PDB file of all heavy atoms in Angstrom:
ATOM      1  N   ASP A   1       0.837  -1.195   0.000  1.00  0.00           N
ATOM      2  CA  ASP A   1       0.000   0.000   0.000  1.00  0.00           C
ATOM      3  C   ASP A   1       0.878   1.253   0.000  1.00  0.00           C
ATOM      4  O   ASP A   1       1.745   1.413   0.864  1.00  0.00           O
ATOM      5  CB  ASP A   1      -0.913   0.019   1.223  1.00  0.00           C
ATOM      6  CG  ASP A   1      -1.951  -1.091   1.190  1.00  0.00           C
ATOM      7  OD1 ASP A   1      -2.344  -1.500   0.073  1.00  0.00           O
ATOM      8  OD2 ASP A   1      -2.376  -1.552   2.264  1.00  0.00           O
ATOM      9  N   LEU A   2       0.640   2.117  -0.968  1.00  0.00           N
ATOM     10  CA  LEU A   2       1.310   3.414  -1.058  1.00  0.00           C
ATOM     11  C   LEU A   2       0.345   4.408  -0.427  1.00  0.00           C
ATOM     12  O   LEU A   2      -0.646   4.803  -1.043  1.00  0.00           O
ATOM     13  CB  LEU A   2       1.621   3.770  -2.509  1.00  0.00           C
ATOM     14  CG  LEU A   2       2.254   2.642  -3.357  1.00  0.00           C
ATOM     15  CD1 LEU A   2       2.532   3.127  -4.765  1.00  0.00           C
ATOM     16  CD2 LEU A   2       3.519   2.107  -2.704  1.00  0.00           C
ATOM     17  N   THR A   3       0.594   4.782   0.804  1.00  0.00           N
ATOM     18  CA  THR A   3      -0.414   5.410   1.652  1.00  0.00           C
ATOM     19  C   THR A   3      -0.313   6.938   1.696  1.00  0.00           C
ATOM     20  O   THR A   3       0.613   7.538   1.155  1.00  0.00           O
ATOM     21  CB  THR A   3      -0.299   4.857   3.079  1.00  0.00           C
ATOM     22  OG1 THR A   3       1.029   5.097   3.574  1.00  0.00           O
ATOM     23  CG2 THR A   3      -0.563   3.362   3.105  1.00  0.00           C
ATOM     24  N   GLY A   4      -1.301   7.538   2.368  1.00  0.00           N
ATOM     25  CA  GLY A   4      -1.296   8.974   2.610  1.00  0.00           C
ATOM     26  C   GLY A   4      -1.686   9.818   1.418  1.00  0.00           C
ATOM     27  O   GLY A   4      -1.322  10.996   1.341  1.00  0.00           O
ATOM     28  N   ALA A   5      -2.456   9.264   0.476  1.00  0.00           N
ATOM     29  CA  ALA A   5      -2.827  10.005  -0.729  1.00  0.00           C
ATOM     30  C   ALA A   5      -4.173  10.708  -0.536  1.00  0.00           C
ATOM     31  O   ALA A   5      -5.172  10.062  -0.225  1.00  0.00           O
ATOM     32  CB  ALA A   5      -2.904   9.056  -1.922  1.00  0.00           C
ATOM     33  N   PRO A   6      -4.233  12.033  -0.726  1.00  0.00           N
ATOM     34  CA  PRO A   6      -5.490  12.754  -0.577  1.00  0.00           C
ATOM     35  C   PRO A   6      -6.398  12.578  -1.792  1.00  0.00           C
ATOM     36  O   PRO A   6      -5.952  12.155  -2.867  1.00  0.00           O
ATOM     37  CB  PRO A   6      -5.038  14.211  -0.451  1.00  0.00           C
ATOM     38  CG  PRO A   6      -3.777  14.268  -1.259  1.00  0.00           C
ATOM     39  CD  PRO A   6      -3.113  12.931  -1.046  1.00  0.00           C
ATOM     40  N   ASP A   7      -7.646  12.923  -1.623  1.00  0.00           N
ATOM     41  CA  ASP A   7      -8.608  12.846  -2.712  1.00  0.00           C
ATOM     42  C   ASP A   7      -8.139  13.694  -3.893  1.00  0.00           C
ATOM     43  O   ASP A   7      -7.723  14.844  -3.736  1.00  0.00           O
ATOM     44  CB  ASP A   7      -9.971  13.355  -2.232  1.00  0.00           C
ATOM     45  CG  ASP A   7     -11.048  13.180  -3.292  1.00  0.00           C
ATOM     46  OD1 ASP A   7     -11.144  12.088  -3.863  1.00  0.00           O
ATOM     47  OD2 ASP A   7     -11.796  14.151  -3.552  1.00  0.00           O
ATOM     48  N   GLY A   8      -8.174  13.107  -5.060  1.00  0.00           N
ATOM     49  CA  GLY A   8      -7.831  13.833  -6.275  1.00  0.00           C
ATOM     50  C   GLY A   8      -6.363  13.850  -6.630  1.00  0.00           C
ATOM     51  O   GLY A   8      -5.989  14.422  -7.666  1.00  0.00           O
ATOM     52  N   ALA A   9      -5.506  13.238  -5.809  1.00  0.00           N
ATOM     53  CA  ALA A   9      -4.083  13.189  -6.149  1.00  0.00           C
ATOM     54  C   ALA A   9      -3.893  12.462  -7.484  1.00  0.00           C
ATOM     55  O   ALA A   9      -4.550  11.457  -7.758  1.00  0.00           O
ATOM     56  CB  ALA A   9      -3.295  12.487  -5.050  1.00  0.00           C
ATOM     57  N   THR A  10      -2.999  12.974  -8.299  1.00  0.00           N
ATOM     58  CA  THR A  10      -2.758  12.385  -9.615  1.00  0.00           C
ATOM     59  C   THR A  10      -2.016  11.062  -9.490  1.00  0.00           C
ATOM     60  O   THR A  10      -1.088  10.928  -8.698  1.00  0.00           O
ATOM     61  CB  THR A  10      -1.927  13.344 -10.491  1.00  0.00           C
ATOM     62  OG1 THR A  10      -2.580  14.611 -10.541  1.00  0.00           O
ATOM     63  CG2 THR A  10      -1.767  12.802 -11.900  1.00  0.00           C
ATOM     64  N   ILE A  11      -2.436  10.083 -10.284  1.00  0.00           N
ATOM     65  CA  ILE A  11      -1.778   8.777 -10.357  1.00  0.00           C
ATOM     66  C   ILE A  11      -1.118   8.671 -11.729  1.00  0.00           C
ATOM     67  O   ILE A  11      -1.779   8.913 -12.753  1.00  0.00           O
ATOM     68  CB  ILE A  11      -2.789   7.625 -10.188  1.00  0.00           C
ATOM     69  CG1 ILE A  11      -3.585   7.790  -8.900  1.00  0.00           C
ATOM     70  CG2 ILE A  11      -2.074   6.273 -10.219  1.00  0.00           C
ATOM     71  CD1 ILE A  11      -4.856   6.961  -8.867  1.00  0.00           C
ATOM     72  N   VAL A  12       0.166   8.327 -11.757  1.00  0.00           N
ATOM     73  CA  VAL A  12       0.884   8.226 -13.030  1.00  0.00           C
ATOM     74  C   VAL A  12       1.405   6.812 -13.255  1.00  0.00           C
ATOM     75  O   VAL A  12       1.524   6.014 -12.321  1.00  0.00           O
ATOM     76  CB  VAL A  12       2.052   9.240 -13.095  1.00  0.00           C
ATOM     77  CG1 VAL A  12       1.554  10.656 -12.855  1.00  0.00           C
ATOM     78  CG2 VAL A  12       3.162   8.866 -12.116  1.00  0.00           C
ATOM     79  N   ALA A  13       1.731   6.522 -14.494  1.00  0.00           N
ATOM     80  CA  ALA A  13       2.291   5.213 -14.851  1.00  0.00           C
ATOM     81  C   ALA A  13       3.713   5.097 -14.321  1.00  0.00           C
ATOM     82  O   ALA A  13       4.538   5.979 -14.557  1.00  0.00           O
ATOM     83  CB  ALA A  13       2.288   5.038 -16.365  1.00  0.00           C
ATOM     84  N   PRO A  14       4.033   4.002 -13.606  1.00  0.00           N
ATOM     85  CA  PRO A  14       5.397   3.831 -13.092  1.00  0.00           C
ATOM     86  C   PRO A  14       6.450   3.642 -14.176  1.00  0.00           C
ATOM     87  O   PRO A  14       7.619   3.934 -13.955  1.00  0.00           O
ATOM     88  CB  PRO A  14       5.289   2.579 -12.220  1.00  0.00           C
ATOM     89  CG  PRO A  14       3.846   2.499 -11.844  1.00  0.00           C
ATOM     90  CD  PRO A  14       3.115   2.987 -13.069  1.00  0.00           C
ATOM     91  N   GLU A  15       6.029   3.125 -15.335  1.00  0.00           N
ATOM     92  CA  GLU A  15       6.965   2.940 -16.434  1.00  0.00           C
ATOM     93  C   GLU A  15       6.190   2.808 -17.733  1.00  0.00           C
ATOM     94  O   GLU A  15       4.954   2.746 -17.735  1.00  0.00           O
ATOM     95  CB  GLU A  15       7.885   1.740 -16.197  1.00  0.00           C
ATOM     96  CG  GLU A  15       7.210   0.436 -15.869  1.00  0.00           C
ATOM     97  CD  GLU A  15       8.228  -0.711 -15.716  1.00  0.00           C
ATOM     98  OE1 GLU A  15       8.851  -1.076 -16.735  1.00  0.00           O
ATOM     99  OE2 GLU A  15       8.395  -1.220 -14.597  1.00  0.00           O
ATOM    100  N   ASP A  16       6.898   2.784 -18.857  1.00  0.00           N
ATOM    101  CA  ASP A  16       6.259   2.634 -20.163  1.00  0.00           C
ATOM    102  C   ASP A  16       5.482   1.312 -20.190  1.00  0.00           C
ATOM    103  O   ASP A  16       6.018   0.264 -19.796  1.00  0.00           O
ATOM    104  CB  ASP A  16       7.305   2.615 -21.276  1.00  0.00           C
ATOM    105  CG  ASP A  16       8.049   3.938 -21.420  1.00  0.00           C
ATOM    106  OD1 ASP A  16       7.700   4.900 -20.715  1.00  0.00           O
ATOM    107  OD2 ASP A  16       8.980   3.987 -22.245  1.00  0.00           O
ATOM    108  N   ALA A  17       4.241   1.374 -20.671  1.00  0.00           N
ATOM    109  CA  ALA A  17       3.387   0.192 -20.575  1.00  0.00           C
ATOM    110  C   ALA A  17       2.214   0.281 -21.540  1.00  0.00           C
ATOM    111  O   ALA A  17       1.938   1.340 -22.121  1.00  0.00           O
ATOM    112  CB  ALA A  17       2.857   0.054 -19.148  1.00  0.00           C
ATOM    113  N   THR A  18       1.508  -0.838 -21.653  1.00  0.00           N
ATOM    114  CA  THR A  18       0.228  -0.905 -22.349  1.00  0.00           C
ATOM    115  C   THR A  18      -0.870  -1.043 -21.305  1.00  0.00           C
ATOM    116  O   THR A  18      -0.738  -1.843 -20.371  1.00  0.00           O
ATOM    117  CB  THR A  18       0.181  -2.101 -23.316  1.00  0.00           C
ATOM    118  OG1 THR A  18       1.229  -1.971 -24.272  1.00  0.00           O
ATOM    119  CG2 THR A  18      -1.160  -2.175 -24.031  1.00  0.00           C
ATOM    120  N   VAL A  19      -1.938  -0.282 -21.464  1.00  0.00           N
ATOM    121  CA  VAL A  19      -3.067  -0.358 -20.534  1.00  0.00           C
ATOM    122  C   VAL A  19      -3.902  -1.591 -20.895  1.00  0.00           C
ATOM    123  O   VAL A  19      -4.510  -1.655 -21.964  1.00  0.00           O
ATOM    124  CB  VAL A  19      -3.934   0.915 -20.602  1.00  0.00           C
ATOM    125  CG1 VAL A  19      -5.121   0.806 -19.639  1.00  0.00           C
ATOM    126  CG2 VAL A  19      -3.103   2.148 -20.283  1.00  0.00           C
ATOM    127  N   ILE A  20      -3.926  -2.568 -19.999  1.00  0.00           N
ATOM    128  CA  ILE A  20      -4.698  -3.792 -20.221  1.00  0.00           C
ATOM    129  C   ILE A  20      -6.126  -3.623 -19.703  1.00  0.00           C
ATOM    130  O   ILE A  20      -7.077  -4.166 -20.265  1.00  0.00           O
ATOM    131  CB  ILE A  20      -4.010  -4.991 -19.529  1.00  0.00           C
ATOM    132  CG1 ILE A  20      -2.587  -5.160 -20.059  1.00  0.00           C
ATOM    133  CG2 ILE A  20      -4.813  -6.272 -19.718  1.00  0.00           C
ATOM    134  CD1 ILE A  20      -2.495  -5.343 -21.563  1.00  0.00           C
ATOM    135  N   GLY A  21      -6.275  -2.862 -18.635  1.00  0.00           N
ATOM    136  CA  GLY A  21      -7.600  -2.583 -18.092  1.00  0.00           C
ATOM    137  C   GLY A  21      -7.570  -1.253 -17.353  1.00  0.00           C
ATOM    138  O   GLY A  21      -6.554  -0.895 -16.747  1.00  0.00           O
ATOM    139  N   ILE A  22      -8.685  -0.533 -17.401  1.00  0.00           N
ATOM    140  CA  ILE A  22      -8.767   0.756 -16.712  1.00  0.00           C
ATOM    141  C   ILE A  22     -10.187   0.915 -16.172  1.00  0.00           C
ATOM    142  O   ILE A  22     -11.149   0.444 -16.782  1.00  0.00           O
ATOM    143  CB  ILE A  22      -8.385   1.928 -17.661  1.00  0.00           C
ATOM    144  CG1 ILE A  22      -8.137   3.225 -16.885  1.00  0.00           C
ATOM    145  CG2 ILE A  22      -9.401   2.105 -18.762  1.00  0.00           C
ATOM    146  CD1 ILE A  22      -6.829   3.313 -16.170  1.00  0.00           C
ATOM    147  N   ASP A  23     -10.306   1.544 -15.007  1.00  0.00           N
ATOM    148  CA  ASP A  23     -11.596   1.730 -14.345  1.00  0.00           C
ATOM    149  C   ASP A  23     -12.254   0.381 -14.035  1.00  0.00           C
ATOM    150  O   ASP A  23     -13.472   0.238 -14.094  1.00  0.00           O
ATOM    151  CB  ASP A  23     -12.530   2.602 -15.194  1.00  0.00           C
ATOM    152  CG  ASP A  23     -13.549   3.368 -14.350  1.00  0.00           C
ATOM    153  OD1 ASP A  23     -13.154   3.914 -13.294  1.00  0.00           O
ATOM    154  OD2 ASP A  23     -14.730   3.418 -14.740  1.00  0.00           O
ATOM    155  N   ARG A  24     -11.432  -0.591 -13.681  1.00  0.00           N
ATOM    156  CA  ARG A  24     -11.924  -1.912 -13.291  1.00  0.00           C
ATOM    157  C   ARG A  24     -12.361  -1.913 -11.830  1.00  0.00           C
ATOM    158  O   ARG A  24     -11.832  -1.167 -11.017  1.00  0.00           O
ATOM    159  CB  ARG A  24     -10.829  -2.972 -13.488  1.00  0.00           C
ATOM    160  CG  ARG A  24     -10.397  -3.165 -14.927  1.00  0.00           C
ATOM    161  CD  ARG A  24     -11.406  -3.968 -15.724  1.00  0.00           C
ATOM    162  NE  ARG A  24     -10.906  -4.326 -17.034  1.00  0.00           N
ATOM    163  CZ  ARG A  24     -10.222  -5.439 -17.310  1.00  0.00           C
ATOM    164  NH1 ARG A  24      -9.933  -6.287 -16.336  1.00  0.00           N
ATOM    165  NH2 ARG A  24      -9.816  -5.688 -18.529  1.00  0.00           N
ATOM    166  N   GLY A  25     -13.296  -2.780 -11.486  1.00  0.00           N
ATOM    167  CA  GLY A  25     -13.774  -2.871 -10.115  1.00  0.00           C
ATOM    168  C   GLY A  25     -12.647  -3.175  -9.140  1.00  0.00           C
ATOM    169  O   GLY A  25     -11.766  -3.982  -9.427  1.00  0.00           O
ATOM    170  N   TRP A  26     -12.677  -2.503  -7.971  1.00  0.00           N
ATOM    171  CA  TRP A  26     -11.627  -2.710  -6.992  1.00  0.00           C
ATOM    172  C   TRP A  26     -12.232  -2.845  -5.605  1.00  0.00           C
ATOM    173  O   TRP A  26     -13.035  -3.736  -5.356  1.00  0.00           O
ATOM    174  CB  TRP A  26     -10.570  -1.602  -7.082  1.00  0.00           C
ATOM    175  CG  TRP A  26      -9.324  -1.871  -6.290  1.00  0.00           C
ATOM    176  CD1 TRP A  26      -8.856  -1.180  -5.225  1.00  0.00           C
ATOM    177  CD2 TRP A  26      -8.396  -2.956  -6.497  1.00  0.00           C
ATOM    178  NE1 TRP A  26      -7.692  -1.745  -4.744  1.00  0.00           N
ATOM    179  CE2 TRP A  26      -7.389  -2.836  -5.516  1.00  0.00           C
ATOM    180  CE3 TRP A  26      -8.328  -4.001  -7.413  1.00  0.00           C
ATOM    181  CZ2 TRP A  26      -6.325  -3.727  -5.428  1.00  0.00           C
ATOM    182  CZ3 TRP A  26      -7.266  -4.881  -7.320  1.00  0.00           C
ATOM    183  CH2 TRP A  26      -6.276  -4.743  -6.339  1.00  0.00           C
ATOM    184  N   SER A  27     -11.894  -1.962  -4.671  1.00  0.00           N
ATOM    185  CA  SER A  27     -12.308  -2.098  -3.282  1.00  0.00           C
ATOM    186  C   SER A  27     -12.847  -0.777  -2.749  1.00  0.00           C
ATOM    187  O   SER A  27     -12.341   0.294  -3.110  1.00  0.00           O
ATOM    188  CB  SER A  27     -11.102  -2.554  -2.443  1.00  0.00           C
ATOM    189  OG  SER A  27     -11.405  -2.607  -1.072  1.00  0.00           O
ATOM    190  N   GLU A  28     -13.858  -0.851  -1.892  1.00  0.00           N
ATOM    191  CA  GLU A  28     -14.403   0.320  -1.198  1.00  0.00           C
ATOM    192  C   GLU A  28     -14.783   1.431  -2.160  1.00  0.00           C
ATOM    193  O   GLU A  28     -14.572   2.618  -1.903  1.00  0.00           O
ATOM    194  CB  GLU A  28     -13.403   0.830  -0.149  1.00  0.00           C
ATOM    195  CG  GLU A  28     -13.063  -0.214   0.908  1.00  0.00           C
ATOM    196  CD  GLU A  28     -11.969   0.249   1.851  1.00  0.00           C
ATOM    197  OE1 GLU A  28     -11.914   1.449   2.164  1.00  0.00           O
ATOM    198  OE2 GLU A  28     -11.175  -0.606   2.272  1.00  0.00           O
ATOM    199  N   GLY A  29     -15.371   1.051  -3.289  1.00  0.00           N
ATOM    200  CA  GLY A  29     -15.847   2.027  -4.253  1.00  0.00           C
ATOM    201  C   GLY A  29     -14.794   2.549  -5.203  1.00  0.00           C
ATOM    202  O   GLY A  29     -15.096   3.351  -6.096  1.00  0.00           O
ATOM    203  N   SER A  30     -13.547   2.120  -5.041  1.00  0.00           N
ATOM    204  CA  SER A  30     -12.476   2.590  -5.921  1.00  0.00           C
ATOM    205  C   SER A  30     -12.347   1.685  -7.146  1.00  0.00           C
ATOM    206  O   SER A  30     -12.983   0.635  -7.237  1.00  0.00           O
ATOM    207  CB  SER A  30     -11.147   2.645  -5.165  1.00  0.00           C
ATOM    208  OG  SER A  30     -10.711   1.341  -4.825  1.00  0.00           O
ATOM    209  N   LYS A  31     -11.498   2.098  -8.066  1.00  0.00           N
ATOM    210  CA  LYS A  31     -11.260   1.353  -9.299  1.00  0.00           C
ATOM    211  C   LYS A  31      -9.774   1.047  -9.452  1.00  0.00           C
ATOM    212  O   LYS A  31      -8.938   1.564  -8.704  1.00  0.00           O
ATOM    213  CB  LYS A  31     -11.750   2.163 -10.507  1.00  0.00           C
ATOM    214  CG  LYS A  31     -13.237   2.474 -10.483  1.00  0.00           C
ATOM    215  CD  LYS A  31     -14.088   1.229 -10.636  1.00  0.00           C
ATOM    216  CE  LYS A  31     -15.567   1.565 -10.704  1.00  0.00           C
ATOM    217  NZ  LYS A  31     -16.405   0.349 -10.937  1.00  0.00           N
ATOM    218  N   ALA A  32      -9.454   0.212 -10.430  1.00  0.00           N
ATOM    219  CA  ALA A  32      -8.070  -0.208 -10.636  1.00  0.00           C
ATOM    220  C   ALA A  32      -7.657  -0.062 -12.088  1.00  0.00           C
ATOM    221  O   ALA A  32      -8.491  -0.068 -13.004  1.00  0.00           O
ATOM    222  CB  ALA A  32      -7.888  -1.657 -10.201  1.00  0.00           C
ATOM    223  N   ALA A  33      -6.344   0.067 -12.291  1.00  0.00           N
ATOM    224  CA  ALA A  33      -5.737   0.024 -13.617  1.00  0.00           C
ATOM    225  C   ALA A  33      -4.804  -1.176 -13.676  1.00  0.00           C
ATOM    226  O   ALA A  33      -4.106  -1.479 -12.705  1.00  0.00           O
ATOM    227  CB  ALA A  33      -4.971   1.311 -13.901  1.00  0.00           C
ATOM    228  N   PHE A  34      -4.788  -1.856 -14.826  1.00  0.00           N
ATOM    229  CA  PHE A  34      -3.888  -2.973 -15.070  1.00  0.00           C
ATOM    230  C   PHE A  34      -2.959  -2.578 -16.220  1.00  0.00           C
ATOM    231  O   PHE A  34      -3.423  -2.207 -17.297  1.00  0.00           O
ATOM    232  CB  PHE A  34      -4.658  -4.233 -15.455  1.00  0.00           C
ATOM    233  CG  PHE A  34      -5.659  -4.695 -14.429  1.00  0.00           C
ATOM    234  CD1 PHE A  34      -6.835  -5.330 -14.837  1.00  0.00           C
ATOM    235  CD2 PHE A  34      -5.447  -4.498 -13.079  1.00  0.00           C
ATOM    236  CE1 PHE A  34      -7.752  -5.768 -13.899  1.00  0.00           C
ATOM    237  CE2 PHE A  34      -6.372  -4.935 -12.130  1.00  0.00           C
ATOM    238  CZ  PHE A  34      -7.529  -5.569 -12.545  1.00  0.00           C
ATOM    239  N   LEU A  35      -1.653  -2.662 -15.981  1.00  0.00           N
ATOM    240  CA  LEU A  35      -0.665  -2.275 -16.979  1.00  0.00           C
ATOM    241  C   LEU A  35       0.285  -3.424 -17.268  1.00  0.00           C
ATOM    242  O   LEU A  35       0.751  -4.099 -16.344  1.00  0.00           O
ATOM    243  CB  LEU A  35       0.157  -1.079 -16.479  1.00  0.00           C
ATOM    244  CG  LEU A  35      -0.585   0.166 -16.001  1.00  0.00           C
ATOM    245  CD1 LEU A  35       0.419   1.198 -15.487  1.00  0.00           C
ATOM    246  CD2 LEU A  35      -1.428   0.755 -17.111  1.00  0.00           C
ATOM    247  N   ARG A  36       0.611  -3.623 -18.536  1.00  0.00           N
ATOM    248  CA  ARG A  36       1.662  -4.562 -18.926  1.00  0.00           C
ATOM    249  C   ARG A  36       2.850  -3.725 -19.379  1.00  0.00           C
ATOM    250  O   ARG A  36       2.789  -3.037 -20.394  1.00  0.00           O
ATOM    251  CB  ARG A  36       1.195  -5.499 -20.044  1.00  0.00           C
ATOM    252  CG  ARG A  36       2.248  -6.531 -20.443  1.00  0.00           C
ATOM    253  CD  ARG A  36       1.716  -7.565 -21.417  1.00  0.00           C
ATOM    254  NE  ARG A  36       0.736  -8.427 -20.769  1.00  0.00           N
ATOM    255  CZ  ARG A  36      -0.502  -8.633 -21.229  1.00  0.00           C
ATOM    256  NH1 ARG A  36      -0.909  -8.031 -22.317  1.00  0.00           N
ATOM    257  NH2 ARG A  36      -1.314  -9.451 -20.577  1.00  0.00           N
ATOM    258  N   THR A  37       3.932  -3.791 -18.612  1.00  0.00           N
ATOM    259  CA  THR A  37       5.064  -2.918 -18.901  1.00  0.00           C
ATOM    260  C   THR A  37       5.931  -3.470 -20.025  1.00  0.00           C
ATOM    261  O   THR A  37       5.931  -4.674 -20.307  1.00  0.00           O
ATOM    262  CB  THR A  37       5.938  -2.711 -17.651  1.00  0.00           C
ATOM    263  OG1 THR A  37       6.693  -3.910 -17.403  1.00  0.00           O
ATOM    264  CG2 THR A  37       5.097  -2.377 -16.423  1.00  0.00           C
ATOM    265  N   ASN A  38       6.696  -2.582 -20.625  1.00  0.00           N
ATOM    266  CA  ASN A  38       7.619  -2.995 -21.684  1.00  0.00           C
ATOM    267  C   ASN A  38       8.746  -3.862 -21.153  1.00  0.00           C
ATOM    268  O   ASN A  38       9.459  -4.501 -21.919  1.00  0.00           O
ATOM    269  CB  ASN A  38       8.207  -1.759 -22.378  1.00  0.00           C
ATOM    270  CG  ASN A  38       7.156  -0.965 -23.138  1.00  0.00           C
ATOM    271  OD1 ASN A  38       5.982  -1.341 -23.187  1.00  0.00           O
ATOM    272  ND2 ASN A  38       7.567   0.148 -23.726  1.00  0.00           N
ATOM    273  N   THR A  39       8.921  -3.874 -19.815  1.00  0.00           N
ATOM    274  CA  THR A  39       9.978  -4.671 -19.193  1.00  0.00           C
ATOM    275  C   THR A  39       9.487  -6.042 -18.720  1.00  0.00           C
ATOM    276  O   THR A  39      10.240  -6.782 -18.103  1.00  0.00           O
ATOM    277  CB  THR A  39      10.566  -3.915 -17.991  1.00  0.00           C
ATOM    278  OG1 THR A  39       9.515  -3.654 -17.044  1.00  0.00           O
ATOM    279  CG2 THR A  39      11.203  -2.605 -18.420  1.00  0.00           C
ATOM    280  N   GLY A  40       8.203  -6.366 -18.979  1.00  0.00           N
ATOM    281  CA  GLY A  40       7.718  -7.698 -18.658  1.00  0.00           C
ATOM    282  C   GLY A  40       7.005  -7.853 -17.334  1.00  0.00           C
ATOM    283  O   GLY A  40       6.816  -8.976 -16.861  1.00  0.00           O
ATOM    284  N   LEU A  41       6.573  -6.740 -16.730  1.00  0.00           N
ATOM    285  CA  LEU A  41       5.781  -6.813 -15.507  1.00  0.00           C
ATOM    286  C   LEU A  41       4.305  -6.580 -15.817  1.00  0.00           C
ATOM    287  O   LEU A  41       3.957  -5.884 -16.769  1.00  0.00           O
ATOM    288  CB  LEU A  41       6.226  -5.757 -14.494  1.00  0.00           C
ATOM    289  CG  LEU A  41       7.594  -5.891 -13.843  1.00  0.00           C
ATOM    290  CD1 LEU A  41       7.808  -4.737 -12.876  1.00  0.00           C
ATOM    291  CD2 LEU A  41       7.731  -7.226 -13.127  1.00  0.00           C
ATOM    292  N   PHE A  42       3.454  -7.148 -14.978  1.00  0.00           N
ATOM    293  CA  PHE A  42       2.038  -6.817 -14.978  1.00  0.00           C
ATOM    294  C   PHE A  42       1.787  -6.076 -13.676  1.00  0.00           C
ATOM    295  O   PHE A  42       1.993  -6.619 -12.585  1.00  0.00           O
ATOM    296  CB  PHE A  42       1.177  -8.082 -15.042  1.00  0.00           C
ATOM    297  CG  PHE A  42      -0.296  -7.799 -15.165  1.00  0.00           C
ATOM    298  CD1 PHE A  42      -0.867  -7.566 -16.405  1.00  0.00           C
ATOM    299  CD2 PHE A  42      -1.106  -7.749 -14.041  1.00  0.00           C
ATOM    300  CE1 PHE A  42      -2.221  -7.284 -16.520  1.00  0.00           C
ATOM    301  CE2 PHE A  42      -2.458  -7.484 -14.143  1.00  0.00           C
ATOM    302  CZ  PHE A  42      -3.019  -7.250 -15.385  1.00  0.00           C
ATOM    303  N   LEU A  43       1.396  -4.792 -13.778  1.00  0.00           N
ATOM    304  CA  LEU A  43       1.189  -3.951 -12.606  1.00  0.00           C
ATOM    305  C   LEU A  43      -0.295  -3.757 -12.335  1.00  0.00           C
ATOM    306  O   LEU A  43      -1.077  -3.520 -13.254  1.00  0.00           O
ATOM    307  CB  LEU A  43       1.824  -2.573 -12.815  1.00  0.00           C
ATOM    308  CG  LEU A  43       3.311  -2.507 -13.137  1.00  0.00           C
ATOM    309  CD1 LEU A  43       3.737  -1.046 -13.295  1.00  0.00           C
ATOM    310  CD2 LEU A  43       4.134  -3.193 -12.060  1.00  0.00           C
ATOM    311  N   VAL A  44      -0.655  -3.851 -11.068  1.00  0.00           N
ATOM    312  CA  VAL A  44      -2.008  -3.547 -10.611  1.00  0.00           C
ATOM    313  C   VAL A  44      -1.917  -2.313  -9.724  1.00  0.00           C
ATOM    314  O   VAL A  44      -1.148  -2.285  -8.763  1.00  0.00           O
ATOM    315  CB  VAL A  44      -2.604  -4.727  -9.810  1.00  0.00           C
ATOM    316  CG1 VAL A  44      -3.980  -4.366  -9.258  1.00  0.00           C
ATOM    317  CG2 VAL A  44      -2.678  -5.971 -10.676  1.00  0.00           C
TER     318      VAL A  44
END
């Protein structure tokens, strides 16, 4: 958990990637992004 983020804080891509999913169901009313990076990681 990357904590202490206020409402509306900008979220950026950690590295160059392809968006596999965006605005996917997550937890407590929030959503998730799924990224496949050019370096071979799948990030949630």
